[in-house]
């Protein structure tokens, strides 16, 4: 426990140092948007949401006035991430939809898909997920969000396809192993190996997600009682 606290203290010091460095970098070069974006993102990761929001909005005003479109795109994406993090999903969606930079489109569509999953609007999530997938086929996060949305819609065969795609290259993902187990269960296929893998890889994640197994079992039972498949 003591070791963990020391590690946490070291990380905290490192983060504070990084914040100071980025603040100094902004003072030295106030026209470089990267420093604002990096600092805002770091503050978001440190859960300093009020400061992060103030910084992003101030920087956004600054670079909009200059007509610097690339800077504006990055800062809007950063703001979207901040609002997503604090569950202000509609605000996040508003900013992700304004990302125009071609290089950032796949990231923005991925975050839109994840935002709609948070809202429980799975059809929209699939739509944005597929668009992101066309732009960045090999990104496991995109395949994951597609799998999750399709699983929620009961499109088990389709979900299976995306989870399998991830597990070929990233078998160490506990979330994918777990979800693939749920899909196998729903399809009447052997599911235990996937769930066991998930439990070994991340016991905490498994414990947190365990209730979803009972939920799938209940749904399948209800379908069976109604004479479904």
C-alpha atoms as a PDB file:
ATOM      1  CA  UNK A   1       0.000   0.000   0.000  1.00  0.00           C
ATOM      2  CA  UNK A   2       2.813   2.372   1.000  1.00  0.00           C
ATOM      3  CA  UNK A   3       4.569   1.628  -2.280  1.00  0.00           C
ATOM      4  CA  UNK A   4       1.408   2.531  -4.183  1.00  0.00           C
ATOM      5  CA  UNK A   5       1.118   5.831  -2.296  1.00  0.00           C
ATOM      6  CA  UNK A   6       4.735   6.686  -3.125  1.00  0.00           C
ATOM      7  CA  UNK A   7       4.041   5.868  -6.757  1.00  0.00           C
ATOM      8  CA  UNK A   8       0.927   8.056  -6.714  1.00  0.00           C
ATOM      9  CA  UNK A   9       2.877  10.905  -5.117  1.00  0.00           C
ATOM     10  CA  UNK A  10       5.568  10.608  -7.787  1.00  0.00           C
ATOM     11  CA  UNK A  11       2.917  10.673 -10.529  1.00  0.00           C
ATOM     12  CA  UNK A  12       1.264  13.687  -8.930  1.00  0.00           C
ATOM     13  CA  UNK A  13       4.603  15.547  -8.793  1.00  0.00           C
ATOM     14  CA  UNK A  14       5.286  14.599 -12.411  1.00  0.00           C
ATOM     15  CA  UNK A  15       1.854  15.881 -13.489  1.00  0.00           C
ATOM     16  CA  UNK A  16       2.290  19.146 -11.581  1.00  0.00           C
ATOM     17  CA  UNK A  17       5.696  19.597 -13.195  1.00  0.00           C
ATOM     18  CA  UNK A  18       4.161  19.015 -16.624  1.00  0.00           C
ATOM     19  CA  UNK A  19       1.397  21.551 -15.906  1.00  0.00           C
ATOM     20  CA  UNK A  20       4.041  24.157 -14.955  1.00  0.00           C
ATOM     21  CA  UNK A  21       6.066  23.380 -18.084  1.00  0.00           C
ATOM     22  CA  UNK A  22       3.025  23.798 -20.344  1.00  0.00           C
ATOM     23  CA  UNK A  23       1.971  27.037 -18.611  1.00  0.00           C
ATOM     24  CA  UNK A  24       5.532  28.345 -19.160  1.00  0.00           C
ATOM     25  CA  UNK A  25       5.428  27.200 -22.800  1.00  0.00           C
ATOM     26  CA  UNK A  26       2.142  29.122 -23.330  1.00  0.00           C
ATOM     27  CA  UNK A  27       3.658  32.262 -21.739  1.00  0.00           C
ATOM     28  CA  UNK A  28       6.737  31.951 -23.950  1.00  0.00           C
ATOM     29  CA  UNK A  29       4.811  31.218 -27.181  1.00  0.00           C
ATOM     30  CA  UNK A  30       1.178  32.336 -26.842  1.00  0.00           C
ATOM     31  CA  UNK A  31       0.550  31.708 -30.561  1.00  0.00           C
ATOM     32  CA  UNK A  32       1.222  27.945 -30.432  1.00  0.00           C
ATOM     33  CA  UNK A  33      -2.113  26.181 -30.058  1.00  0.00           C
ATOM     34  CA  UNK A  34      -0.536  22.777 -29.271  1.00  0.00           C
ATOM     35  CA  UNK A  35       0.458  23.948 -25.805  1.00  0.00           C
ATOM     36  CA  UNK A  36      -3.114  24.998 -24.975  1.00  0.00           C
ATOM     37  CA  UNK A  37      -4.470  21.707 -26.320  1.00  0.00           C
ATOM     38  CA  UNK A  38      -1.893  19.643 -24.380  1.00  0.00           C
ATOM     39  CA  UNK A  39      -2.511  21.562 -21.145  1.00  0.00           C
ATOM     40  CA  UNK A  40      -6.310  21.361 -21.486  1.00  0.00           C
ATOM     41  CA  UNK A  41      -6.087  17.620 -22.152  1.00  0.00           C
ATOM     42  CA  UNK A  42      -3.735  17.108 -19.196  1.00  0.00           C
ATOM     43  CA  UNK A  43      -6.047  19.052 -16.854  1.00  0.00           C
ATOM     44  CA  UNK A  44      -8.949  16.900 -18.094  1.00  0.00           C
ATOM     45  CA  UNK A  45      -6.981  13.737 -17.279  1.00  0.00           C
ATOM     46  CA  UNK A  46      -6.219  15.169 -13.838  1.00  0.00           C
ATOM     47  CA  UNK A  47      -9.975  15.791 -13.307  1.00  0.00           C
ATOM     48  CA  UNK A  48      -9.389  19.534 -13.059  1.00  0.00           C
ATOM     49  CA  UNK A  49     -12.410  20.117 -15.256  1.00  0.00           C
ATOM     50  CA  UNK A  50     -13.188  23.762 -14.435  1.00  0.00           C
ATOM     51  CA  UNK A  51      -9.645  24.889 -15.230  1.00  0.00           C
ATOM     52  CA  UNK A  52      -9.586  22.761 -18.381  1.00  0.00           C
ATOM     53  CA  UNK A  53     -12.869  24.243 -19.630  1.00  0.00           C
ATOM     54  CA  UNK A  54     -11.725  27.817 -18.923  1.00  0.00           C
ATOM     55  CA  UNK A  55      -8.454  27.207 -20.762  1.00  0.00           C
ATOM     56  CA  UNK A  56     -10.055  25.551 -23.806  1.00  0.00           C
ATOM     57  CA  UNK A  57     -12.724  28.276 -24.156  1.00  0.00           C
ATOM     58  CA  UNK A  58     -10.186  31.082 -23.752  1.00  0.00           C
ATOM     59  CA  UNK A  59      -7.859  29.498 -26.323  1.00  0.00           C
ATOM     60  CA  UNK A  60     -10.774  28.839 -28.669  1.00  0.00           C
ATOM     61  CA  UNK A  61     -11.752  32.515 -28.589  1.00  0.00           C
ATOM     62  CA  UNK A  62      -8.157  33.483 -29.224  1.00  0.00           C
ATOM     63  CA  UNK A  63      -7.617  31.261 -32.270  1.00  0.00           C
ATOM     64  CA  UNK A  64     -11.104  31.831 -33.737  1.00  0.00           C
ATOM     65  CA  UNK A  65     -10.325  35.552 -33.793  1.00  0.00           C
ATOM     66  CA  UNK A  66      -7.141  34.769 -35.741  1.00  0.00           C
ATOM     67  CA  UNK A  67      -9.018  32.496 -38.134  1.00  0.00           C
ATOM     68  CA  UNK A  68      -6.663  29.588 -37.401  1.00  0.00           C
ATOM     69  CA  UNK A  69      -8.876  26.683 -38.457  1.00  0.00           C
ATOM     70  CA  UNK A  70      -6.482  23.894 -37.510  1.00  0.00           C
ATOM     71  CA  UNK A  71      -6.092  25.266 -33.985  1.00  0.00           C
ATOM     72  CA  UNK A  72      -9.863  25.708 -33.661  1.00  0.00           C
ATOM     73  CA  UNK A  73     -10.471  22.085 -34.719  1.00  0.00           C
ATOM     74  CA  UNK A  74      -8.020  20.704 -32.135  1.00  0.00           C
ATOM     75  CA  UNK A  75      -9.441  22.862 -29.353  1.00  0.00           C
ATOM     76  CA  UNK A  76     -13.016  21.882 -30.187  1.00  0.00           C
ATOM     77  CA  UNK A  77     -12.011  18.227 -30.121  1.00  0.00           C
ATOM     78  CA  UNK A  78     -10.353  18.810 -26.719  1.00  0.00           C
ATOM     79  CA  UNK A  79     -13.523  20.469 -25.422  1.00  0.00           C
ATOM     80  CA  UNK A  80     -15.579  17.551 -26.739  1.00  0.00           C
ATOM     81  CA  UNK A  81     -13.359  15.134 -24.785  1.00  0.00           C
ATOM     82  CA  UNK A  82     -13.750  17.221 -21.640  1.00  0.00           C
ATOM     83  CA  UNK A  83     -17.561  17.257 -21.872  1.00  0.00           C
ATOM     84  CA  UNK A  84     -17.630  13.538 -22.699  1.00  0.00           C
ATOM     85  CA  UNK A  85     -15.559  12.873 -19.573  1.00  0.00           C
ATOM     86  CA  UNK A  86     -18.022  14.758 -17.316  1.00  0.00           C
ATOM     87  CA  UNK A  87     -21.077  13.129 -18.978  1.00  0.00           C
ATOM     88  CA  UNK A  88     -22.275  16.316 -20.675  1.00  0.00           C
ATOM     89  CA  UNK A  89     -22.732  14.181 -23.759  1.00  0.00           C
ATOM     90  CA  UNK A  90     -24.885  16.563 -25.810  1.00  0.00           C
ATOM     91  CA  UNK A  91     -22.264  19.303 -25.454  1.00  0.00           C
ATOM     92  CA  UNK A  92     -19.551  16.797 -26.428  1.00  0.00           C
ATOM     93  CA  UNK A  93     -21.519  15.797 -29.540  1.00  0.00           C
ATOM     94  CA  UNK A  94     -21.910  19.465 -30.515  1.00  0.00           C
ATOM     95  CA  UNK A  95     -18.115  19.954 -30.499  1.00  0.00           C
ATOM     96  CA  UNK A  96     -17.224  16.626 -32.136  1.00  0.00           C
ATOM     97  CA  UNK A  97     -19.586  17.523 -34.992  1.00  0.00           C
ATOM     98  CA  UNK A  98     -17.564  20.680 -35.633  1.00  0.00           C
ATOM     99  CA  UNK A  99     -14.255  18.857 -36.208  1.00  0.00           C
ATOM    100  CA  UNK A 100     -13.336  19.624 -39.810  1.00  0.00           C
ATOM    101  CA  UNK A 101      -9.688  18.547 -39.993  1.00  0.00           C
ATOM    102  CA  UNK A 102      -9.432  15.453 -42.240  1.00  0.00           C
ATOM    103  CA  UNK A 103      -6.729  13.857 -40.067  1.00  0.00           C
ATOM    104  CA  UNK A 104      -8.976  14.089 -37.006  1.00  0.00           C
ATOM    105  CA  UNK A 105     -12.214  12.928 -38.635  1.00  0.00           C
ATOM    106  CA  UNK A 106     -11.816   9.256 -37.635  1.00  0.00           C
ATOM    107  CA  UNK A 107     -11.182  10.246 -33.988  1.00  0.00           C
ATOM    108  CA  UNK A 108     -14.177  12.571 -33.985  1.00  0.00           C
ATOM    109  CA  UNK A 109     -16.477   9.905 -35.483  1.00  0.00           C
ATOM    110  CA  UNK A 110     -15.215   7.364 -32.935  1.00  0.00           C
ATOM    111  CA  UNK A 111     -16.001   9.770 -30.094  1.00  0.00           C
ATOM    112  CA  UNK A 112     -19.423  10.491 -31.612  1.00  0.00           C
ATOM    113  CA  UNK A 113     -20.100   6.741 -31.686  1.00  0.00           C
ATOM    114  CA  UNK A 114     -19.009   6.427 -28.039  1.00  0.00           C
ATOM    115  CA  UNK A 115     -21.151   9.434 -27.091  1.00  0.00           C
ATOM    116  CA  UNK A 116     -24.255   7.853 -28.629  1.00  0.00           C
ATOM    117  CA  UNK A 117     -23.497   4.572 -26.806  1.00  0.00           C
ATOM    118  CA  UNK A 118     -23.459   6.623 -23.573  1.00  0.00           C
ATOM    119  CA  UNK A 119     -26.855   8.049 -24.537  1.00  0.00           C
ATOM    120  CA  UNK A 120     -28.193   4.554 -25.301  1.00  0.00           C
ATOM    121  CA  UNK A 121     -28.808   5.567 -28.946  1.00  0.00           C
ATOM    122  CA  UNK A 122     -27.171   2.534 -30.476  1.00  0.00           C
ATOM    123  CA  UNK A 123     -28.309   2.946 -34.092  1.00  0.00           C
ATOM    124  CA  UNK A 124     -26.645   6.380 -34.286  1.00  0.00           C
ATOM    125  CA  UNK A 125     -23.580   4.858 -32.614  1.00  0.00           C
ATOM    126  CA  UNK A 126     -23.375   2.188 -35.336  1.00  0.00           C
ATOM    127  CA  UNK A 127     -23.747   4.822 -38.046  1.00  0.00           C
ATOM    128  CA  UNK A 128     -20.843   6.928 -36.732  1.00  0.00           C
ATOM    129  CA  UNK A 129     -18.818   3.822 -35.895  1.00  0.00           C
ATOM    130  CA  UNK A 130     -19.080   2.554 -39.469  1.00  0.00           C
ATOM    131  CA  UNK A 131     -18.008   5.943 -40.827  1.00  0.00           C
ATOM    132  CA  UNK A 132     -14.992   5.919 -38.491  1.00  0.00           C
ATOM    133  CA  UNK A 133     -14.247   2.316 -39.517  1.00  0.00           C
ATOM    134  CA  UNK A 134     -14.109   3.309 -43.195  1.00  0.00           C
ATOM    135  CA  UNK A 135     -11.464   5.912 -42.348  1.00  0.00           C
ATOM    136  CA  UNK A 136      -9.429   3.838 -39.866  1.00  0.00           C
ATOM    137  CA  UNK A 137     -10.100   0.145 -40.322  1.00  0.00           C
ATOM    138  CA  UNK A 138      -7.414  -1.193 -37.984  1.00  0.00           C
ATOM    139  CA  UNK A 139      -8.302   0.900 -34.898  1.00  0.00           C
ATOM    140  CA  UNK A 140      -9.433  -1.554 -32.177  1.00  0.00           C
ATOM    141  CA  UNK A 141     -11.384   1.180 -30.343  1.00  0.00           C
ATOM    142  CA  UNK A 142     -13.603   1.665 -33.398  1.00  0.00           C
ATOM    143  CA  UNK A 143     -14.257  -2.077 -33.698  1.00  0.00           C
ATOM    144  CA  UNK A 144     -14.981  -2.173 -29.944  1.00  0.00           C
ATOM    145  CA  UNK A 145     -17.601   0.587 -30.043  1.00  0.00           C
ATOM    146  CA  UNK A 146     -19.234  -1.054 -33.081  1.00  0.00           C
ATOM    147  CA  UNK A 147     -19.310  -4.394 -31.267  1.00  0.00           C
ATOM    148  CA  UNK A 148     -20.802  -2.771 -28.154  1.00  0.00           C
ATOM    149  CA  UNK A 149     -23.533  -0.938 -30.069  1.00  0.00           C
ATOM    150  CA  UNK A 150     -24.426  -4.032 -32.137  1.00  0.00           C
ATOM    151  CA  UNK A 151     -24.467  -6.200 -29.000  1.00  0.00           C
ATOM    152  CA  UNK A 152     -26.882  -3.730 -27.373  1.00  0.00           C
ATOM    153  CA  UNK A 153     -29.092  -3.889 -30.501  1.00  0.00           C
ATOM    154  CA  UNK A 154     -29.125  -7.714 -30.361  1.00  0.00           C
ATOM    155  CA  UNK A 155     -27.183  -7.956 -33.640  1.00  0.00           C
ATOM    156  CA  UNK A 156     -25.003 -10.720 -32.227  1.00  0.00           C
ATOM    157  CA  UNK A 157     -23.499 -12.101 -35.469  1.00  0.00           C
ATOM    158  CA  UNK A 158     -22.414  -8.612 -36.496  1.00  0.00           C
ATOM    159  CA  UNK A 159     -21.001  -7.835 -33.038  1.00  0.00           C
ATOM    160  CA  UNK A 160     -19.066 -11.120 -33.100  1.00  0.00           C
ATOM    161  CA  UNK A 161     -17.378 -10.063 -36.351  1.00  0.00           C
ATOM    162  CA  UNK A 162     -15.999  -6.844 -34.820  1.00  0.00           C
ATOM    163  CA  UNK A 163     -14.904  -8.435 -31.527  1.00  0.00           C
ATOM    164  CA  UNK A 164     -13.116 -11.243 -33.391  1.00  0.00           C
ATOM    165  CA  UNK A 165     -11.374  -8.650 -35.493  1.00  0.00           C
ATOM    166  CA  UNK A 166      -9.890  -7.101 -32.323  1.00  0.00           C
ATOM    167  CA  UNK A 167      -8.963 -10.375 -30.608  1.00  0.00           C
ATOM    168  CA  UNK A 168      -6.834 -11.527 -33.555  1.00  0.00           C
ATOM    169  CA  UNK A 169      -4.431  -8.647 -32.854  1.00  0.00           C
ATOM    170  CA  UNK A 170      -5.231  -7.686 -29.243  1.00  0.00           C
ATOM    171  CA  UNK A 171      -6.095 -10.854 -27.283  1.00  0.00           C
ATOM    172  CA  UNK A 172      -5.106  -9.141 -24.024  1.00  0.00           C
ATOM    173  CA  UNK A 173      -8.168  -6.874 -23.962  1.00  0.00           C
ATOM    174  CA  UNK A 174     -10.357  -7.963 -21.048  1.00  0.00           C
ATOM    175  CA  UNK A 175     -13.335  -5.869 -22.239  1.00  0.00           C
ATOM    176  CA  UNK A 176     -13.318  -7.481 -25.693  1.00  0.00           C
ATOM    177  CA  UNK A 177     -12.899 -10.991 -24.274  1.00  0.00           C
ATOM    178  CA  UNK A 178     -15.825 -10.370 -21.917  1.00  0.00           C
ATOM    179  CA  UNK A 179     -18.113  -8.945 -24.601  1.00  0.00           C
ATOM    180  CA  UNK A 180     -17.171 -11.747 -26.988  1.00  0.00           C
ATOM    181  CA  UNK A 181     -18.235 -14.177 -24.249  1.00  0.00           C
ATOM    182  CA  UNK A 182     -21.632 -12.466 -24.007  1.00  0.00           C
ATOM    183  CA  UNK A 183     -22.058 -12.728 -27.775  1.00  0.00           C
ATOM    184  CA  UNK A 184     -21.122 -16.428 -27.711  1.00  0.00           C
ATOM    185  CA  UNK A 185     -23.651 -16.955 -24.918  1.00  0.00           C
ATOM    186  CA  UNK A 186     -26.357 -15.196 -26.933  1.00  0.00           C
ATOM    187  CA  UNK A 187     -25.530 -17.306 -30.002  1.00  0.00           C
ATOM    188  CA  UNK A 188     -25.529 -20.568 -28.052  1.00  0.00           C
ATOM    189  CA  UNK A 189     -21.791 -21.066 -28.630  1.00  0.00           C
ATOM    190  CA  UNK A 190     -19.127 -22.038 -26.025  1.00  0.00           C
ATOM    191  CA  UNK A 191     -18.647 -18.836 -24.027  1.00  0.00           C
ATOM    192  CA  UNK A 192     -16.810 -19.857 -20.860  1.00  0.00           C
ATOM    193  CA  UNK A 193     -13.250 -19.571 -22.293  1.00  0.00           C
ATOM    194  CA  UNK A 194     -13.830 -15.898 -23.192  1.00  0.00           C
ATOM    195  CA  UNK A 195     -15.189 -15.034 -19.751  1.00  0.00           C
ATOM    196  CA  UNK A 196     -12.339 -16.896 -18.040  1.00  0.00           C
ATOM    197  CA  UNK A 197      -9.808 -14.966 -20.128  1.00  0.00           C
ATOM    198  CA  UNK A 198     -11.474 -11.683 -19.173  1.00  0.00           C
ATOM    199  CA  UNK A 199     -11.407 -12.632 -15.494  1.00  0.00           C
ATOM    200  CA  UNK A 200      -7.705 -13.547 -15.631  1.00  0.00           C
ATOM    201  CA  UNK A 201      -6.762 -10.408 -17.561  1.00  0.00           C
ATOM    202  CA  UNK A 202      -8.665  -7.962 -15.353  1.00  0.00           C
ATOM    203  CA  UNK A 203     -10.452  -9.345 -12.271  1.00  0.00           C
ATOM    204  CA  UNK A 204     -11.787  -5.886 -11.287  1.00  0.00           C
ATOM    205  CA  UNK A 205     -13.307  -5.279 -14.712  1.00  0.00           C
ATOM    206  CA  UNK A 206     -14.827  -8.773 -14.656  1.00  0.00           C
ATOM    207  CA  UNK A 207     -16.386  -8.229 -11.211  1.00  0.00           C
ATOM    208  CA  UNK A 208     -17.838  -4.887 -12.307  1.00  0.00           C
ATOM    209  CA  UNK A 209     -19.296  -6.400 -15.497  1.00  0.00           C
ATOM    210  CA  UNK A 210     -20.522  -9.701 -14.047  1.00  0.00           C
ATOM    211  CA  UNK A 211     -24.137  -8.547 -13.746  1.00  0.00           C
ATOM    212  CA  UNK A 212     -24.277  -8.254 -17.540  1.00  0.00           C
ATOM    213  CA  UNK A 213     -23.949 -12.074 -17.756  1.00  0.00           C
ATOM    214  CA  UNK A 214     -27.125 -12.534 -15.707  1.00  0.00           C
ATOM    215  CA  UNK A 215     -28.870  -9.909 -17.856  1.00  0.00           C
ATOM    216  CA  UNK A 216     -28.047 -11.770 -21.087  1.00  0.00           C
ATOM    217  CA  UNK A 217     -29.112 -15.085 -19.503  1.00  0.00           C
ATOM    218  CA  UNK A 218     -32.436 -13.506 -18.455  1.00  0.00           C
ATOM    219  CA  UNK A 219     -33.040 -12.079 -21.949  1.00  0.00           C
ATOM    220  CA  UNK A 220     -32.302 -15.454 -23.565  1.00  0.00           C
ATOM    221  CA  UNK A 221     -34.617 -17.188 -21.083  1.00  0.00           C
ATOM    222  CA  UNK A 222     -37.419 -14.726 -21.906  1.00  0.00           C
ATOM    223  CA  UNK A 223     -36.877 -15.287 -25.640  1.00  0.00           C
ATOM    224  CA  UNK A 224     -36.959 -19.043 -25.044  1.00  0.00           C
ATOM    225  CA  UNK A 225     -40.211 -18.756 -23.076  1.00  0.00           C
ATOM    226  CA  UNK A 226     -41.740 -16.819 -25.947  1.00  0.00           C
ATOM    227  CA  UNK A 227     -40.693 -19.558 -28.360  1.00  0.00           C
ATOM    228  CA  UNK A 228     -37.831 -17.460 -29.747  1.00  0.00           C
ATOM    229  CA  UNK A 229     -34.438 -18.813 -30.735  1.00  0.00           C
END
